[in-house]
């Protein structure tokens, strides 16, 4: 087990904390929810501690996570979602930063979608999503049920790796987004939140039309 480490001089830790405060201001990580991490070496990352207010995060609140093959070392101060973070790092070489948020829109919308994936189409902003060439191309979002253990969720991520773009959604448990830098991951998060909000608003409008 690793103890919490002071990373005051680590520039990546400082930048992650700055991004965390921006996410908190968006109300995408209420009540200490959400977990963020940044790769610090080939088989390790820095990760936020469990339940910490993301608007008050400092480098001192980050924990070093190490993994080798199937073994992962982590402190009790981090959330169970660490297993999903590690699975993404091990599976996706392009993942250098992972942000797990808990916006109202993503949580509500995920509970309305019964399928295990969703195809977005027709939005100009789809072209921002990693590996999407233009808005004419359908953009896939993998959705995973929450009624599984963290280990089972991690195994499903590995099994469905070919379906992943730059995000996945845990039904009722938030959105996971990743990228090859802090800047790219922030952009991906904004884009996915926009797409999800658009679909949720469309469902509201269509529901009102059908009931009128």
Protein backbone atom coordinates (compact mmCIF):
# COMPACT_ATOMS: atom_id res chain seq x y z
CA UNK A 1 0.00 0.00 0.00
CA UNK A 2 1.21 3.49 -0.81
CA UNK A 3 0.84 6.43 1.56
CA UNK A 4 -0.34 9.81 0.33
CA UNK A 5 2.63 11.65 -1.12
CA UNK A 6 3.32 15.35 -1.35
CA UNK A 7 3.70 16.27 -5.04
CA UNK A 8 3.97 20.04 -4.53
CA UNK A 9 6.76 20.45 -7.10
CA UNK A 10 5.32 18.15 -9.77
CA UNK A 11 4.11 20.42 -12.62
CA UNK A 12 1.65 17.80 -13.86
CA UNK A 13 0.11 17.53 -10.40
CA UNK A 14 -0.27 21.31 -10.22
CA UNK A 15 -1.89 21.43 -13.68
CA UNK A 16 -4.28 18.59 -12.78
CA UNK A 17 -5.38 20.49 -9.68
CA UNK A 18 -5.98 23.62 -11.77
CA UNK A 19 -8.13 21.60 -14.17
CA UNK A 20 -9.94 20.06 -11.19
CA UNK A 21 -11.01 23.51 -9.98
CA UNK A 22 -12.32 24.33 -13.47
CA UNK A 23 -14.37 21.12 -13.48
CA UNK A 24 -15.72 21.90 -10.03
CA UNK A 25 -16.81 25.37 -11.19
CA UNK A 26 -18.78 23.64 -13.97
CA UNK A 27 -20.55 21.58 -11.25
CA UNK A 28 -19.40 18.38 -12.91
CA UNK A 29 -17.98 16.89 -9.68
CA UNK A 30 -20.39 17.77 -6.84
CA UNK A 31 -20.03 16.73 -3.20
CA UNK A 32 -16.49 15.41 -3.59
CA UNK A 33 -17.48 13.03 -6.40
CA UNK A 34 -15.38 12.26 -9.45
CA UNK A 35 -11.81 11.01 -9.66
CA UNK A 36 -8.97 12.37 -11.78
CA UNK A 37 -5.59 10.90 -12.64
CA UNK A 38 -2.51 11.64 -14.72
CA UNK A 39 0.10 9.15 -15.85
CA UNK A 40 3.41 9.75 -14.08
CA UNK A 41 5.41 6.85 -15.58
CA UNK A 42 4.85 3.82 -17.80
CA UNK A 43 3.25 1.84 -14.96
CA UNK A 44 2.10 4.50 -12.53
CA UNK A 45 -0.15 7.52 -12.20
CA UNK A 46 -1.11 10.22 -9.72
CA UNK A 47 -4.76 10.04 -8.63
CA UNK A 48 -7.11 12.14 -6.52
CA UNK A 49 -8.08 10.93 -3.07
CA UNK A 50 -11.58 9.65 -2.33
CA UNK A 51 -14.27 12.23 -1.55
CA UNK A 52 -12.00 15.28 -1.78
CA UNK A 53 -13.72 18.52 -2.83
CA UNK A 54 -12.47 18.99 -6.38
CA UNK A 55 -12.67 22.76 -6.04
CA UNK A 56 -10.08 22.64 -3.23
CA UNK A 57 -7.68 20.06 -4.65
CA UNK A 58 -3.94 20.50 -4.13
CA UNK A 59 -0.97 18.34 -5.20
CA UNK A 60 -0.81 17.08 -1.60
CA UNK A 61 -4.18 15.36 -2.20
CA UNK A 62 -2.83 13.12 -4.99
CA UNK A 63 -1.76 9.52 -4.42
CA UNK A 64 0.79 7.53 -6.42
CA UNK A 65 -0.75 4.41 -8.00
CA UNK A 66 1.54 1.63 -9.30
CA UNK A 67 0.70 -1.41 -11.38
CA UNK A 68 2.51 -4.35 -12.90
CA UNK A 69 0.66 -6.80 -15.11
CA UNK A 70 -2.39 -7.85 -13.05
CA UNK A 71 -1.19 -6.39 -9.75
CA UNK A 72 -2.22 -2.90 -8.71
CA UNK A 73 -0.93 -1.18 -5.57
CA UNK A 74 -3.09 1.56 -4.10
CA UNK A 75 -4.00 3.20 -0.83
CA UNK A 76 -7.38 2.97 0.91
CA UNK A 77 -7.63 6.74 0.40
CA UNK A 78 -8.50 6.32 -3.30
CA UNK A 79 -11.86 5.22 -4.72
CA UNK A 80 -12.60 1.78 -6.16
CA UNK A 81 -12.63 3.41 -9.60
CA UNK A 82 -8.83 3.19 -9.49
CA UNK A 83 -9.20 -0.25 -11.11
CA UNK A 84 -10.99 1.31 -14.07
CA UNK A 85 -8.36 4.05 -14.39
CA UNK A 86 -5.60 1.43 -14.41
CA UNK A 87 -7.45 -0.71 -16.97
CA UNK A 88 -7.72 2.28 -19.29
CA UNK A 89 -4.03 3.15 -18.89
CA UNK A 90 -3.02 -0.44 -19.55
CA UNK A 91 -5.31 -0.81 -22.56
CA UNK A 92 -4.97 2.59 -24.25
CA UNK A 93 -1.47 3.86 -24.90
CA UNK A 94 -2.88 7.29 -25.82
CA UNK A 95 -4.41 7.74 -22.36
CA UNK A 96 -2.18 10.10 -20.35
CA UNK A 97 -4.95 11.79 -18.36
CA UNK A 98 -8.31 10.37 -17.16
CA UNK A 99 -11.18 12.46 -15.80
CA UNK A 100 -14.22 10.85 -14.19
CA UNK A 101 -17.00 13.41 -13.68
CA UNK A 102 -20.53 13.34 -12.29
CA UNK A 103 -22.58 15.96 -14.13
CA UNK A 104 -26.36 15.99 -13.75
CA UNK A 105 -26.87 15.65 -17.51
CA UNK A 106 -24.59 12.62 -17.91
CA UNK A 107 -26.11 10.83 -14.93
CA UNK A 108 -29.73 11.47 -15.91
CA UNK A 109 -29.20 10.69 -19.60
CA UNK A 110 -27.30 7.46 -18.85
CA UNK A 111 -30.30 6.16 -16.88
CA UNK A 112 -32.59 6.79 -19.84
CA UNK A 113 -30.46 4.85 -22.36
CA UNK A 114 -30.94 1.09 -22.11
CA UNK A 115 -28.43 0.06 -24.79
CA UNK A 116 -24.77 -0.68 -24.03
CA UNK A 117 -23.62 1.97 -26.48
CA UNK A 118 -25.00 5.10 -28.16
CA UNK A 119 -24.27 6.59 -31.58
CA UNK A 120 -24.23 10.39 -31.89
CA UNK A 121 -24.76 11.79 -35.37
CA UNK A 122 -25.23 15.15 -37.07
CA UNK A 123 -23.39 17.38 -34.58
CA UNK A 124 -20.57 19.60 -35.84
CA UNK A 125 -18.77 19.18 -32.52
CA UNK A 126 -18.36 15.46 -33.17
CA UNK A 127 -15.33 16.37 -35.25
CA UNK A 128 -13.58 17.39 -32.01
CA UNK A 129 -13.86 13.87 -30.58
CA UNK A 130 -10.65 11.88 -30.95
CA UNK A 131 -10.51 9.76 -34.13
CA UNK A 132 -13.72 11.33 -35.53
CA UNK A 133 -13.08 12.77 -38.98
CA UNK A 134 -16.27 14.80 -39.45
CA UNK A 135 -19.85 15.24 -38.27
CA UNK A 136 -21.09 12.82 -40.92
CA UNK A 137 -19.40 9.96 -39.10
CA UNK A 138 -21.37 8.40 -36.23
CA UNK A 139 -19.65 8.85 -32.89
CA UNK A 140 -19.87 5.91 -30.48
CA UNK A 141 -20.11 6.17 -26.70
CA UNK A 142 -19.72 2.92 -24.73
CA UNK A 143 -22.11 2.56 -21.79
CA UNK A 144 -21.45 0.15 -18.92
CA UNK A 145 -23.87 -0.96 -16.21
CA UNK A 146 -23.11 0.10 -12.66
CA UNK A 147 -24.34 -3.15 -11.10
CA UNK A 148 -20.92 -4.76 -11.48
CA UNK A 149 -17.89 -4.79 -9.22
CA UNK A 150 -15.02 -2.42 -10.10
CA UNK A 151 -13.01 -5.46 -11.24
CA UNK A 152 -15.84 -6.56 -13.55
CA UNK A 153 -16.14 -3.05 -14.99
CA UNK A 154 -12.40 -2.96 -15.62
CA UNK A 155 -12.59 -6.34 -17.38
CA UNK A 156 -15.43 -5.08 -19.58
CA UNK A 157 -13.39 -2.02 -20.54
CA UNK A 158 -10.55 -4.27 -21.66
CA UNK A 159 -12.95 -6.54 -23.56
CA UNK A 160 -14.58 -3.62 -25.38
CA UNK A 161 -11.41 -1.62 -26.02
CA UNK A 162 -11.97 -1.60 -29.81
CA UNK A 163 -15.28 0.26 -29.31
CA UNK A 164 -13.78 3.10 -27.29
CA UNK A 165 -13.19 6.59 -28.70
CA UNK A 166 -12.19 8.97 -25.90
CA UNK A 167 -14.92 8.34 -23.34
CA UNK A 168 -17.19 5.80 -21.68
CA UNK A 169 -20.22 6.20 -19.46
CA UNK A 170 -21.02 4.21 -16.33
CA UNK A 171 -24.80 4.19 -16.04
CA UNK A 172 -25.71 6.45 -13.11
CA UNK A 173 -22.06 6.68 -12.03
CA UNK A 174 -20.56 9.28 -14.31
CA UNK A 175 -18.51 9.92 -17.43
CA UNK A 176 -14.90 8.80 -17.98
CA UNK A 177 -12.89 10.81 -20.53
CA UNK A 178 -9.22 10.54 -21.48
CA UNK A 179 -6.63 12.08 -23.78
CA UNK A 180 -2.91 12.36 -24.46
CA UNK A 181 -2.57 15.65 -22.55
CA UNK A 182 -4.42 17.75 -20.01
CA UNK A 183 -5.48 20.18 -22.72
CA UNK A 184 -6.83 17.48 -25.02
CA UNK A 185 -8.65 15.69 -22.20
CA UNK A 186 -10.31 18.95 -21.13
CA UNK A 187 -11.44 19.48 -24.73
CA UNK A 188 -12.80 15.93 -24.93
CA UNK A 189 -14.71 16.38 -21.67
CA UNK A 190 -16.34 19.61 -22.88
CA UNK A 191 -17.27 18.03 -26.21
CA UNK A 192 -18.84 14.93 -24.65
CA UNK A 193 -20.76 16.97 -22.10
CA UNK A 194 -22.10 19.12 -24.94
CA UNK A 195 -23.21 16.09 -26.97
CA UNK A 196 -24.89 14.46 -23.98
CA UNK A 197 -26.66 17.70 -23.06
CA UNK A 198 -27.93 18.08 -26.63
CA UNK A 199 -29.35 14.56 -26.66
CA UNK A 200 -30.96 15.02 -23.26
CA UNK A 201 -32.59 18.29 -24.36
CA UNK A 202 -33.82 16.62 -27.55
CA UNK A 203 -35.44 13.87 -25.50
CA UNK A 204 -37.17 16.47 -23.34
CA UNK A 205 -38.50 18.37 -26.37
CA UNK A 206 -39.63 15.22 -28.17
CA UNK A 207 -41.38 14.08 -24.99
CA UNK A 208 -43.22 17.36 -24.73
CA UNK A 209 -44.27 17.15 -28.39
CA UNK A 210 -45.58 13.63 -27.96
CA UNK A 211 -47.59 14.58 -24.87
CA UNK A 212 -49.14 17.71 -26.46
